């Protein structure tokens, strides 16, 4: 599969962190998605029905990130990949999750990138 839908810079609040206090803060995380799906039909038809609806995918990301506590960015990424692969007709996905300012000092983000497929 060489076709990809790219959704980059998704920013949603998440209960993410090792400590309970950190999870309670519900700080935003930055998520990028690469969804492996054939785009040939949509490219020919120019119809939304022949591709993935970005708004629906965003809502899935928002729901997974926001309705459950996650201790690790790895766990959040895995849960996102599982939800996307089971909810949409995609063959593969790459999920990047970055947490803002995870430690004191000059570190803008810390995160992970995982790839999963059916």
PDB file of N, CA and C in Angstrom:
ATOM      1  N   UNK A   1       0.862  -1.181   0.000  1.00  0.00           N
ATOM      2  CA  UNK A   1       0.000   0.000   0.000  1.00  0.00           C
ATOM      3  C   UNK A   1       0.899   1.233   0.000  1.00  0.00           C
ATOM      4  N   UNK A   2       0.789   2.023  -1.029  1.00  0.00           N
ATOM      5  CA  UNK A   2       1.607   3.229  -1.113  1.00  0.00           C
ATOM      6  C   UNK A   2       0.811   4.500  -0.868  1.00  0.00           C
ATOM      7  N   UNK A   3      -0.520   4.404  -0.899  1.00  0.00           N
ATOM      8  CA  UNK A   3      -1.344   5.589  -0.683  1.00  0.00           C
ATOM      9  C   UNK A   3      -1.476   5.852   0.811  1.00  0.00           C
ATOM     10  N   UNK A   4      -1.449   7.120   1.168  1.00  0.00           N
ATOM     11  CA  UNK A   4      -1.575   7.514   2.567  1.00  0.00           C
ATOM     12  C   UNK A   4      -2.461   8.743   2.688  1.00  0.00           C
ATOM     13  N   UNK A   5      -3.276   8.763   3.713  1.00  0.00           N
ATOM     14  CA  UNK A   5      -3.930   9.993   4.138  1.00  0.00           C
ATOM     15  C   UNK A   5      -3.124  10.503   5.318  1.00  0.00           C
ATOM     16  N   UNK A   6      -2.745  11.773   5.270  1.00  0.00           N
ATOM     17  CA  UNK A   6      -1.945  12.384   6.325  1.00  0.00           C
ATOM     18  C   UNK A   6      -2.815  13.366   7.098  1.00  0.00           C
ATOM     19  N   UNK A   7      -2.877  13.179   8.399  1.00  0.00           N
ATOM     20  CA  UNK A   7      -3.551  14.129   9.286  1.00  0.00           C
ATOM     21  C   UNK A   7      -2.511  14.535  10.317  1.00  0.00           C
ATOM     22  N   UNK A   8      -2.040  15.759  10.199  1.00  0.00           N
ATOM     23  CA  UNK A   8      -0.912  16.202  11.020  1.00  0.00           C
ATOM     24  C   UNK A   8      -1.300  17.381  11.904  1.00  0.00           C
ATOM     25  N   UNK A   9      -0.741  17.380  13.103  1.00  0.00           N
ATOM     26  CA  UNK A   9      -0.966  18.498  14.011  1.00  0.00           C
ATOM     27  C   UNK A   9      -2.286  18.461  14.746  1.00  0.00           C
ATOM     28  N   UNK A  10      -2.823  17.260  14.950  1.00  0.00           N
ATOM     29  CA  UNK A  10      -4.048  17.133  15.745  1.00  0.00           C
ATOM     30  C   UNK A  10      -3.681  17.434  17.190  1.00  0.00           C
ATOM     31  N   UNK A  11      -4.339  18.384  17.782  1.00  0.00           N
ATOM     32  CA  UNK A  11      -4.062  18.750  19.171  1.00  0.00           C
ATOM     33  C   UNK A  11      -5.331  18.552  19.984  1.00  0.00           C
ATOM     34  N   UNK A  12      -5.272  17.595  20.904  1.00  0.00           N
ATOM     35  CA  UNK A  12      -6.427  17.276  21.747  1.00  0.00           C
ATOM     36  C   UNK A  12      -5.972  17.109  23.190  1.00  0.00           C
ATOM     37  N   UNK A  13      -6.855  17.400  24.147  1.00  0.00           N
ATOM     38  CA  UNK A  13      -6.494  17.191  25.544  1.00  0.00           C
ATOM     39  C   UNK A  13      -6.486  15.699  25.872  1.00  0.00           C
ATOM     40  N   UNK A  14      -5.573  15.315  26.754  1.00  0.00           N
ATOM     41  CA  UNK A  14      -5.492  13.917  27.170  1.00  0.00           C
ATOM     42  C   UNK A  14      -5.098  13.840  28.634  1.00  0.00           C
ATOM     43  N   UNK A  15      -5.655  12.852  29.307  1.00  0.00           N
ATOM     44  CA  UNK A  15      -5.258  12.550  30.686  1.00  0.00           C
ATOM     45  C   UNK A  15      -4.048  11.631  30.589  1.00  0.00           C
ATOM     46  N   UNK A  16      -2.875  12.232  30.436  1.00  0.00           N
ATOM     47  CA  UNK A  16      -1.655  11.498  30.132  1.00  0.00           C
ATOM     48  C   UNK A  16      -0.567  11.849  31.130  1.00  0.00           C
ATOM     49  N   UNK A  17       0.024  10.835  31.723  1.00  0.00           N
ATOM     50  CA  UNK A  17       1.146  11.060  32.625  1.00  0.00           C
ATOM     51  C   UNK A  17       1.296   9.935  33.627  1.00  0.00           C
ATOM     52  N   UNK A  18       2.483   9.776  34.111  1.00  0.00           N
ATOM     53  CA  UNK A  18       2.755   8.714  35.076  1.00  0.00           C
ATOM     54  C   UNK A  18       2.050   9.006  36.402  1.00  0.00           C
ATOM     55  N   UNK A  19       2.064  10.253  36.841  1.00  0.00           N
ATOM     56  CA  UNK A  19       1.440  10.586  38.127  1.00  0.00           C
ATOM     57  C   UNK A  19      -0.031  10.942  37.940  1.00  0.00           C
ATOM     58  N   UNK A  20      -0.814  10.701  38.973  1.00  0.00           N
ATOM     59  CA  UNK A  20      -2.238  11.049  38.970  1.00  0.00           C
ATOM     60  C   UNK A  20      -2.422  12.555  38.776  1.00  0.00           C
ATOM     61  N   UNK A  21      -1.577  13.346  39.424  1.00  0.00           N
ATOM     62  CA  UNK A  21      -1.668  14.809  39.302  1.00  0.00           C
ATOM     63  C   UNK A  21      -1.468  15.247  37.859  1.00  0.00           C
ATOM     64  N   UNK A  22      -0.534  14.625  37.167  1.00  0.00           N
ATOM     65  CA  UNK A  22      -0.270  14.968  35.770  1.00  0.00           C
ATOM     66  C   UNK A  22      -1.464  14.579  34.887  1.00  0.00           C
ATOM     67  N   UNK A  23      -2.028  13.404  35.126  1.00  0.00           N
ATOM     68  CA  UNK A  23      -3.192  12.974  34.345  1.00  0.00           C
ATOM     69  C   UNK A  23      -4.391  13.877  34.595  1.00  0.00           C
ATOM     70  N   UNK A  24      -4.543  14.344  35.825  1.00  0.00           N
ATOM     71  CA  UNK A  24      -5.666  15.225  36.170  1.00  0.00           C
ATOM     72  C   UNK A  24      -5.593  16.571  35.449  1.00  0.00           C
ATOM     73  N   UNK A  25      -4.403  16.977  35.025  1.00  0.00           N
ATOM     74  CA  UNK A  25      -4.242  18.274  34.343  1.00  0.00           C
ATOM     75  C   UNK A  25      -4.833  18.268  32.934  1.00  0.00           C
ATOM     76  N   UNK A  26      -4.976  17.093  32.321  1.00  0.00           N
ATOM     77  CA  UNK A  26      -5.531  16.968  30.968  1.00  0.00           C
ATOM     78  C   UNK A  26      -4.905  17.978  30.003  1.00  0.00           C
ATOM     79  N   UNK A  27      -3.623  17.850  29.830  1.00  0.00           N
ATOM     80  CA  UNK A  27      -2.897  18.747  28.932  1.00  0.00           C
ATOM     81  C   UNK A  27      -3.008  18.280  27.483  1.00  0.00           C
ATOM     82  N   UNK A  28      -2.839  19.182  26.541  1.00  0.00           N
ATOM     83  CA  UNK A  28      -2.918  18.782  25.132  1.00  0.00           C
ATOM     84  C   UNK A  28      -1.728  17.931  24.705  1.00  0.00           C
ATOM     85  N   UNK A  29      -2.005  17.041  23.764  1.00  0.00           N
ATOM     86  CA  UNK A  29      -0.965  16.261  23.102  1.00  0.00           C
ATOM     87  C   UNK A  29      -1.058  16.561  21.609  1.00  0.00           C
ATOM     88  N   UNK A  30       0.025  16.320  20.910  1.00  0.00           N
ATOM     89  CA  UNK A  30       0.096  16.562  19.472  1.00  0.00           C
ATOM     90  C   UNK A  30       0.174  15.212  18.769  1.00  0.00           C
ATOM     91  N   UNK A  31      -0.747  14.973  17.830  1.00  0.00           N
ATOM     92  CA  UNK A  31      -0.860  13.674  17.175  1.00  0.00           C
ATOM     93  C   UNK A  31      -0.788  13.852  15.665  1.00  0.00           C
ATOM     94  N   UNK A  32      -0.002  12.991  15.024  1.00  0.00           N
ATOM     95  CA  UNK A  32       0.071  12.921  13.570  1.00  0.00           C
ATOM     96  C   UNK A  32      -0.315  11.512  13.145  1.00  0.00           C
ATOM     97  N   UNK A  33      -1.070  11.405  12.048  1.00  0.00           N
ATOM     98  CA  UNK A  33      -1.509  10.114  11.546  1.00  0.00           C
ATOM     99  C   UNK A  33      -1.121   9.944  10.090  1.00  0.00           C
ATOM    100  N   UNK A  34      -0.711   8.747   9.747  1.00  0.00           N
ATOM    101  CA  UNK A  34      -0.539   8.318   8.363  1.00  0.00           C
ATOM    102  C   UNK A  34      -1.395   7.074   8.205  1.00  0.00           C
ATOM    103  N   UNK A  35      -2.437   7.178   7.399  1.00  0.00           N
ATOM    104  CA  UNK A  35      -3.393   6.092   7.251  1.00  0.00           C
ATOM    105  C   UNK A  35      -3.252   5.471   5.867  1.00  0.00           C
ATOM    106  N   UNK A  36      -2.885   4.202   5.841  1.00  0.00           N
ATOM    107  CA  UNK A  36      -2.701   3.484   4.586  1.00  0.00           C
ATOM    108  C   UNK A  36      -4.030   2.983   4.045  1.00  0.00           C
ATOM    109  N   UNK A  37      -4.453   3.580   2.959  1.00  0.00           N
ATOM    110  CA  UNK A  37      -5.730   3.228   2.339  1.00  0.00           C
ATOM    111  C   UNK A  37      -5.636   3.551   0.849  1.00  0.00           C
ATOM    112  N   UNK A  38      -6.242   2.735   0.037  1.00  0.00           N
ATOM    113  CA  UNK A  38      -6.227   3.025  -1.395  1.00  0.00           C
ATOM    114  C   UNK A  38      -7.021   4.292  -1.680  1.00  0.00           C
ATOM    115  N   UNK A  39      -6.405   5.218  -2.386  1.00  0.00           N
ATOM    116  CA  UNK A  39      -7.049   6.487  -2.710  1.00  0.00           C
ATOM    117  C   UNK A  39      -7.440   6.576  -4.189  1.00  0.00           C
ATOM    118  N   UNK A  40      -7.243   5.490  -4.912  1.00  0.00           N
ATOM    119  CA  UNK A  40      -7.507   5.495  -6.350  1.00  0.00           C
ATOM    120  C   UNK A  40      -8.981   5.799  -6.663  1.00  0.00           C
ATOM    121  N   UNK A  41      -9.879   5.127  -5.977  1.00  0.00           N
ATOM    122  CA  UNK A  41     -11.309   5.342  -6.248  1.00  0.00           C
ATOM    123  C   UNK A  41     -11.710   6.783  -5.961  1.00  0.00           C
ATOM    124  N   UNK A  42     -11.286   7.319  -4.820  1.00  0.00           N
ATOM    125  CA  UNK A  42     -11.623   8.702  -4.468  1.00  0.00           C
ATOM    126  C   UNK A  42     -10.985   9.685  -5.449  1.00  0.00           C
ATOM    127  N   UNK A  43      -9.772   9.373  -5.867  1.00  0.00           N
ATOM    128  CA  UNK A  43      -9.099  10.250  -6.817  1.00  0.00           C
ATOM    129  C   UNK A  43      -9.823  10.331  -8.146  1.00  0.00           C
ATOM    130  N   UNK A  44     -10.434   9.231  -8.547  1.00  0.00           N
ATOM    131  CA  UNK A  44     -11.166   9.204  -9.815  1.00  0.00           C
ATOM    132  C   UNK A  44     -12.565   9.805  -9.682  1.00  0.00           C
ATOM    133  N   UNK A  45     -13.232   9.519  -8.543  1.00  0.00           N
ATOM    134  CA  UNK A  45     -14.630   9.942  -8.400  1.00  0.00           C
ATOM    135  C   UNK A  45     -14.790  11.351  -7.839  1.00  0.00           C
ATOM    136  N   UNK A  46     -13.799  11.798  -7.047  1.00  0.00           N
ATOM    137  CA  UNK A  46     -13.876  13.102  -6.380  1.00  0.00           C
ATOM    138  C   UNK A  46     -15.063  13.171  -5.419  1.00  0.00           C
ATOM    139  N   UNK A  47     -15.364  12.015  -4.773  1.00  0.00           N
ATOM    140  CA  UNK A  47     -16.501  11.945  -3.847  1.00  0.00           C
ATOM    141  C   UNK A  47     -16.012  11.564  -2.450  1.00  0.00           C
ATOM    142  N   UNK A  48     -16.525  12.264  -1.432  1.00  0.00           N
ATOM    143  CA  UNK A  48     -16.177  11.973  -0.045  1.00  0.00           C
ATOM    144  C   UNK A  48     -16.532  10.542   0.339  1.00  0.00           C
ATOM    145  N   UNK A  49     -17.602  10.021  -0.218  1.00  0.00           N
ATOM    146  CA  UNK A  49     -18.039   8.662   0.105  1.00  0.00           C
ATOM    147  C   UNK A  49     -16.984   7.615  -0.271  1.00  0.00           C
ATOM    148  N   UNK A  50     -16.043   7.973  -1.133  1.00  0.00           N
ATOM    149  CA  UNK A  50     -15.030   7.031  -1.594  1.00  0.00           C
ATOM    150  C   UNK A  50     -13.700   7.162  -0.865  1.00  0.00           C
ATOM    151  N   UNK A  51     -13.691   7.929   0.216  1.00  0.00           N
ATOM    152  CA  UNK A  51     -12.464   8.088   0.993  1.00  0.00           C
ATOM    153  C   UNK A  51     -12.824   8.117   2.473  1.00  0.00           C
ATOM    154  N   UNK A  52     -11.896   8.515   3.309  1.00  0.00           N
ATOM    155  CA  UNK A  52     -12.142   8.616   4.741  1.00  0.00           C
ATOM    156  C   UNK A  52     -12.555  10.039   5.094  1.00  0.00           C
ATOM    157  N   UNK A  53     -13.477  10.153   6.023  1.00  0.00           N
ATOM    158  CA  UNK A  53     -13.951  11.450   6.487  1.00  0.00           C
ATOM    159  C   UNK A  53     -13.025  11.920   7.612  1.00  0.00           C
ATOM    160  N   UNK A  54     -12.269  12.967   7.366  1.00  0.00           N
ATOM    161  CA  UNK A  54     -11.291  13.458   8.354  1.00  0.00           C
ATOM    162  C   UNK A  54     -11.945  13.843   9.670  1.00  0.00           C
ATOM    163  N   UNK A  55     -13.147  14.405   9.605  1.00  0.00           N
ATOM    164  CA  UNK A  55     -13.847  14.824  10.819  1.00  0.00           C
ATOM    165  C   UNK A  55     -14.177  13.618  11.699  1.00  0.00           C
ATOM    166  N   UNK A  56     -14.570  12.510  11.095  1.00  0.00           N
ATOM    167  CA  UNK A  56     -14.851  11.300  11.865  1.00  0.00           C
ATOM    168  C   UNK A  56     -13.587  10.765  12.519  1.00  0.00           C
ATOM    169  N   UNK A  57     -12.500  10.785  11.781  1.00  0.00           N
ATOM    170  CA  UNK A  57     -11.231  10.312  12.341  1.00  0.00           C
ATOM    171  C   UNK A  57     -10.811  11.202  13.503  1.00  0.00           C
ATOM    172  N   UNK A  58     -10.960  12.506  13.335  1.00  0.00           N
ATOM    173  CA  UNK A  58     -10.631  13.439  14.423  1.00  0.00           C
ATOM    174  C   UNK A  58     -11.445  13.108  15.669  1.00  0.00           C
ATOM    175  N   UNK A  59     -12.734  12.850  15.497  1.00  0.00           N
ATOM    176  CA  UNK A  59     -13.591  12.530  16.642  1.00  0.00           C
ATOM    177  C   UNK A  59     -13.132  11.235  17.326  1.00  0.00           C
ATOM    178  N   UNK A  60     -12.690  10.267  16.552  1.00  0.00           N
ATOM    179  CA  UNK A  60     -12.168   9.024  17.129  1.00  0.00           C
ATOM    180  C   UNK A  60     -10.925   9.313  17.952  1.00  0.00           C
ATOM    181  N   UNK A  61     -10.015  10.106  17.413  1.00  0.00           N
ATOM    182  CA  UNK A  61      -8.794  10.472  18.134  1.00  0.00           C
ATOM    183  C   UNK A  61      -9.144  11.210  19.417  1.00  0.00           C
ATOM    184  N   UNK A  62     -10.048  12.162  19.308  1.00  0.00           N
ATOM    185  CA  UNK A  62     -10.471  12.944  20.462  1.00  0.00           C
ATOM    186  C   UNK A  62     -11.078  12.043  21.543  1.00  0.00           C
ATOM    187  N   UNK A  63     -11.892  11.095  21.130  1.00  0.00           N
ATOM    188  CA  UNK A  63     -12.533  10.191  22.080  1.00  0.00           C
ATOM    189  C   UNK A  63     -11.512   9.278  22.768  1.00  0.00           C
ATOM    190  N   UNK A  64     -10.635   8.670  21.999  1.00  0.00           N
ATOM    191  CA  UNK A  64      -9.632   7.767  22.582  1.00  0.00           C
ATOM    192  C   UNK A  64      -8.709   8.528  23.530  1.00  0.00           C
ATOM    193  N   UNK A  65      -8.250   9.693  23.110  1.00  0.00           N
ATOM    194  CA  UNK A  65      -7.321  10.471  23.942  1.00  0.00           C
ATOM    195  C   UNK A  65      -7.994  11.018  25.185  1.00  0.00           C
ATOM    196  N   UNK A  66      -9.269  11.396  25.068  1.00  0.00           N
ATOM    197  CA  UNK A  66      -9.897  12.141  26.141  1.00  0.00           C
ATOM    198  C   UNK A  66     -10.772  11.380  27.101  1.00  0.00           C
ATOM    199  N   UNK A  67     -11.142  10.153  26.779  1.00  0.00           N
ATOM    200  CA  UNK A  67     -12.098   9.456  27.640  1.00  0.00           C
ATOM    201  C   UNK A  67     -11.467   8.386  28.519  1.00  0.00           C
ATOM    202  N   UNK A  68     -10.156   8.302  28.510  1.00  0.00           N
ATOM    203  CA  UNK A  68      -9.461   7.284  29.292  1.00  0.00           C
ATOM    204  C   UNK A  68      -8.151   7.856  29.793  1.00  0.00           C
ATOM    205  N   UNK A  69      -7.676   7.374  30.920  1.00  0.00           N
ATOM    206  CA  UNK A  69      -6.369   7.801  31.420  1.00  0.00           C
ATOM    207  C   UNK A  69      -5.281   6.960  30.770  1.00  0.00           C
ATOM    208  N   UNK A  70      -4.176   7.615  30.442  1.00  0.00           N
ATOM    209  CA  UNK A  70      -3.029   6.960  29.819  1.00  0.00           C
ATOM    210  C   UNK A  70      -1.786   7.342  30.616  1.00  0.00           C
ATOM    211  N   UNK A  71      -1.052   6.382  31.097  1.00  0.00           N
ATOM    212  CA  UNK A  71       0.182   6.681  31.826  1.00  0.00           C
ATOM    213  C   UNK A  71       1.325   7.009  30.863  1.00  0.00           C
ATOM    214  N   UNK A  72       1.371   6.320  29.751  1.00  0.00           N
ATOM    215  CA  UNK A  72       2.487   6.463  28.811  1.00  0.00           C
ATOM    216  C   UNK A  72       2.009   6.912  27.434  1.00  0.00           C
ATOM    217  N   UNK A  73       2.840   7.683  26.739  1.00  0.00           N
ATOM    218  CA  UNK A  73       2.515   8.046  25.357  1.00  0.00           C
ATOM    219  C   UNK A  73       2.455   6.781  24.497  1.00  0.00           C
ATOM    220  N   UNK A  74       3.241   5.775  24.850  1.00  0.00           N
ATOM    221  CA  UNK A  74       3.217   4.508  24.119  1.00  0.00           C
ATOM    222  C   UNK A  74       1.828   3.870  24.179  1.00  0.00           C
ATOM    223  N   UNK A  75       1.210   3.907  25.356  1.00  0.00           N
ATOM    224  CA  UNK A  75      -0.127   3.328  25.521  1.00  0.00           C
ATOM    225  C   UNK A  75      -1.163   4.110  24.718  1.00  0.00           C
ATOM    226  N   UNK A  76      -1.085   5.420  24.751  1.00  0.00           N
ATOM    227  CA  UNK A  76      -2.024   6.232  23.976  1.00  0.00           C
ATOM    228  C   UNK A  76      -1.860   5.956  22.487  1.00  0.00           C
ATOM    229  N   UNK A  77      -0.648   5.881  21.996  1.00  0.00           N
ATOM    230  CA  UNK A  77      -0.410   5.598  20.574  1.00  0.00           C
ATOM    231  C   UNK A  77      -0.977   4.233  20.191  1.00  0.00           C
ATOM    232  N   UNK A  78      -0.754   3.243  21.022  1.00  0.00           N
ATOM    233  CA  UNK A  78      -1.257   1.892  20.738  1.00  0.00           C
ATOM    234  C   UNK A  78      -2.786   1.875  20.724  1.00  0.00           C
ATOM    235  N   UNK A  79      -3.402   2.561  21.655  1.00  0.00           N
ATOM    236  CA  UNK A  79      -4.870   2.618  21.710  1.00  0.00           C
ATOM    237  C   UNK A  79      -5.445   3.345  20.496  1.00  0.00           C
ATOM    238  N   UNK A  80      -4.766   4.379  20.050  1.00  0.00           N
ATOM    239  CA  UNK A  80      -5.207   5.090  18.848  1.00  0.00           C
ATOM    240  C   UNK A  80      -5.107   4.181  17.621  1.00  0.00           C
ATOM    241  N   UNK A  81      -3.983   3.498  17.472  1.00  0.00           N
ATOM    242  CA  UNK A  81      -3.803   2.608  16.321  1.00  0.00           C
ATOM    243  C   UNK A  81      -4.857   1.506  16.313  1.00  0.00           C
ATOM    244  N   UNK A  82      -5.123   0.921  17.458  1.00  0.00           N
ATOM    245  CA  UNK A  82      -6.131  -0.136  17.558  1.00  0.00           C
ATOM    246  C   UNK A  82      -7.511   0.386  17.173  1.00  0.00           C
ATOM    247  N   UNK A  83      -7.880   1.552  17.681  1.00  0.00           N
ATOM    248  CA  UNK A  83      -9.188   2.135  17.367  1.00  0.00           C
ATOM    249  C   UNK A  83      -9.312   2.455  15.884  1.00  0.00           C
ATOM    250  N   UNK A  84      -8.280   3.024  15.297  1.00  0.00           N
ATOM    251  CA  UNK A  84      -8.335   3.390  13.884  1.00  0.00           C
ATOM    252  C   UNK A  84      -8.423   2.163  12.985  1.00  0.00           C
ATOM    253  N   UNK A  85      -7.608   1.147  13.268  1.00  0.00           N
ATOM    254  CA  UNK A  85      -7.621  -0.063  12.443  1.00  0.00           C
ATOM    255  C   UNK A  85      -8.937  -0.821  12.556  1.00  0.00           C
ATOM    256  N   UNK A  86      -9.580  -0.760  13.712  1.00  0.00           N
ATOM    257  CA  UNK A  86     -10.833  -1.494  13.884  1.00  0.00           C
ATOM    258  C   UNK A  86     -12.058  -0.695  13.426  1.00  0.00           C
ATOM    259  N   UNK A  87     -11.932   0.610  13.296  1.00  0.00           N
ATOM    260  CA  UNK A  87     -13.095   1.449  12.970  1.00  0.00           C
ATOM    261  C   UNK A  87     -13.164   1.896  11.520  1.00  0.00           C
ATOM    262  N   UNK A  88     -12.083   1.819  10.792  1.00  0.00           N
ATOM    263  CA  UNK A  88     -12.042   2.360   9.432  1.00  0.00           C
ATOM    264  C   UNK A  88     -11.445   1.339   8.471  1.00  0.00           C
ATOM    265  N   UNK A  89     -11.794   1.448   7.188  1.00  0.00           N
ATOM    266  CA  UNK A  89     -11.276   0.505   6.194  1.00  0.00           C
ATOM    267  C   UNK A  89      -9.855   0.880   5.750  1.00  0.00           C
ATOM    268  N   UNK A  90      -8.943   0.854   6.704  1.00  0.00           N
ATOM    269  CA  UNK A  90      -7.549   1.161   6.415  1.00  0.00           C
ATOM    270  C   UNK A  90      -6.728  -0.112   6.585  1.00  0.00           C
ATOM    271  N   UNK A  91      -5.629  -0.198   5.875  1.00  0.00           N
ATOM    272  CA  UNK A  91      -4.760  -1.364   5.954  1.00  0.00           C
ATOM    273  C   UNK A  91      -3.651  -1.192   6.985  1.00  0.00           C
ATOM    274  N   UNK A  92      -3.250   0.056   7.189  1.00  0.00           N
ATOM    275  CA  UNK A  92      -2.143   0.317   8.121  1.00  0.00           C
ATOM    276  C   UNK A  92      -2.272   1.729   8.659  1.00  0.00           C
ATOM    277  N   UNK A  93      -1.556   1.967   9.743  1.00  0.00           N
ATOM    278  CA  UNK A  93      -1.502   3.329  10.263  1.00  0.00           C
ATOM    279  C   UNK A  93      -0.184   3.532  10.999  1.00  0.00           C
ATOM    280  N   UNK A  94       0.291   4.744  10.903  1.00  0.00           N
ATOM    281  CA  UNK A  94       1.422   5.190  11.699  1.00  0.00           C
ATOM    282  C   UNK A  94       0.895   6.322  12.561  1.00  0.00           C
ATOM    283  N   UNK A  95       1.135   6.197  13.851  1.00  0.00           N
ATOM    284  CA  UNK A  95       0.624   7.157  14.828  1.00  0.00           C
ATOM    285  C   UNK A  95       1.805   7.764  15.568  1.00  0.00           C
ATOM    286  N   UNK A  96       1.887   9.080  15.558  1.00  0.00           N
ATOM    287  CA  UNK A  96       2.886   9.800  16.349  1.00  0.00           C
ATOM    288  C   UNK A  96       2.155  10.559  17.434  1.00  0.00           C
ATOM    289  N   UNK A  97       2.633  10.422  18.660  1.00  0.00           N
ATOM    290  CA  UNK A  97       2.061  11.151  19.793  1.00  0.00           C
ATOM    291  C   UNK A  97       3.199  11.887  20.474  1.00  0.00           C
ATOM    292  N   UNK A  98       3.022  13.212  20.618  1.00  0.00           N
ATOM    293  CA  UNK A  98       4.026  14.024  21.314  1.00  0.00           C
ATOM    294  C   UNK A  98       3.380  14.746  22.479  1.00  0.00           C
ATOM    295  N   UNK A  99       4.085  14.740  23.560  1.00  0.00           N
ATOM    296  CA  UNK A  99       3.657  15.403  24.793  1.00  0.00           C
ATOM    297  C   UNK A  99       4.475  16.679  24.928  1.00  0.00           C
ATOM    298  N   UNK A 100       3.803  17.786  25.212  1.00  0.00           N
ATOM    299  CA  UNK A 100       4.479  19.069  25.330  1.00  0.00           C
ATOM    300  C   UNK A 100       5.238  19.164  26.655  1.00  0.00           C
ATOM    301  N   UNK A 101       6.428  19.727  26.619  1.00  0.00           N
ATOM    302  CA  UNK A 101       7.246  20.042  27.797  1.00  0.00           C
ATOM    303  C   UNK A 101       7.140  18.963  28.878  1.00  0.00           C
ATOM    304  N   UNK A 102       7.585  17.752  28.575  1.00  0.00           N
ATOM    305  CA  UNK A 102       7.393  16.651  29.506  1.00  0.00           C
ATOM    306  C   UNK A 102       8.291  16.680  30.739  1.00  0.00           C
ATOM    307  N   UNK A 103       9.379  17.414  30.665  1.00  0.00           N
ATOM    308  CA  UNK A 103      10.284  17.537  31.812  1.00  0.00           C
ATOM    309  C   UNK A 103      10.736  18.983  31.921  1.00  0.00           C
ATOM    310  N   UNK A 104      11.229  19.336  33.092  1.00  0.00           N
ATOM    311  CA  UNK A 104      11.756  20.695  33.278  1.00  0.00           C
ATOM    312  C   UNK A 104      12.996  20.869  32.402  1.00  0.00           C
ATOM    313  N   UNK A 105      13.152  22.040  31.857  1.00  0.00           N
ATOM    314  CA  UNK A 105      14.295  22.315  30.999  1.00  0.00           C
ATOM    315  C   UNK A 105      13.848  22.679  29.601  1.00  0.00           C
ATOM    316  N   UNK A 106      14.758  22.548  28.668  1.00  0.00           N
ATOM    317  CA  UNK A 106      14.499  22.939  27.284  1.00  0.00           C
ATOM    318  C   UNK A 106      14.230  21.707  26.428  1.00  0.00           C
ATOM    319  N   UNK A 107      13.063  21.171  26.586  1.00  0.00           N
ATOM    320  CA  UNK A 107      12.615  20.022  25.792  1.00  0.00           C
ATOM    321  C   UNK A 107      11.198  20.323  25.352  1.00  0.00           C
ATOM    322  N   UNK A 108      11.021  20.614  24.073  1.00  0.00           N
ATOM    323  CA  UNK A 108       9.718  21.025  23.553  1.00  0.00           C
ATOM    324  C   UNK A 108       8.712  19.877  23.579  1.00  0.00           C
ATOM    325  N   UNK A 109       9.128  18.693  23.113  1.00  0.00           N
ATOM    326  CA  UNK A 109       8.243  17.536  23.032  1.00  0.00           C
ATOM    327  C   UNK A 109       9.018  16.271  23.400  1.00  0.00           C
ATOM    328  N   UNK A 110       8.274  15.290  23.839  1.00  0.00           N
ATOM    329  CA  UNK A 110       8.764  13.912  23.906  1.00  0.00           C
ATOM    330  C   UNK A 110       7.638  13.067  23.340  1.00  0.00           C
ATOM    331  N   UNK A 111       7.980  12.030  22.617  1.00  0.00           N
ATOM    332  CA  UNK A 111       6.907  11.256  22.025  1.00  0.00           C
ATOM    333  C   UNK A 111       7.361   9.963  21.412  1.00  0.00           C
ATOM    334  N   UNK A 112       6.415   9.329  20.730  1.00  0.00           N
ATOM    335  CA  UNK A 112       6.663   8.047  20.083  1.00  0.00           C
ATOM    336  C   UNK A 112       6.009   8.040  18.708  1.00  0.00           C
ATOM    337  N   UNK A 113       6.473   7.132  17.867  1.00  0.00           N
ATOM    338  CA  UNK A 113       5.843   6.878  16.568  1.00  0.00           C
ATOM    339  C   UNK A 113       5.758   5.361  16.419  1.00  0.00           C
ATOM    340  N   UNK A 114       4.545   4.864  16.202  1.00  0.00           N
ATOM    341  CA  UNK A 114       4.360   3.436  16.003  1.00  0.00           C
ATOM    342  C   UNK A 114       3.670   3.189  14.666  1.00  0.00           C
ATOM    343  N   UNK A 115       3.908   2.036  14.090  1.00  0.00           N
ATOM    344  CA  UNK A 115       3.239   1.619  12.852  1.00  0.00           C
ATOM    345  C   UNK A 115       2.599   0.269  13.089  1.00  0.00           C
ATOM    346  N   UNK A 116       1.333   0.154  12.699  1.00  0.00           N
ATOM    347  CA  UNK A 116       0.588  -1.075  12.849  1.00  0.00           C
ATOM    348  C   UNK A 116      -0.181  -1.339  11.568  1.00  0.00           C
ATOM    349  N   UNK A 117      -0.489  -2.610  11.312  1.00  0.00           N
ATOM    350  CA  UNK A 117      -1.278  -2.953  10.132  1.00  0.00           C
ATOM    351  C   UNK A 117      -2.177  -4.132  10.448  1.00  0.00           C
ATOM    352  N   UNK A 118      -3.154  -4.319   9.570  1.00  0.00           N
ATOM    353  CA  UNK A 118      -4.093  -5.440   9.725  1.00  0.00           C
ATOM    354  C   UNK A 118      -3.438  -6.723   9.283  1.00  0.00           C
TER     355      UNK A 118
END
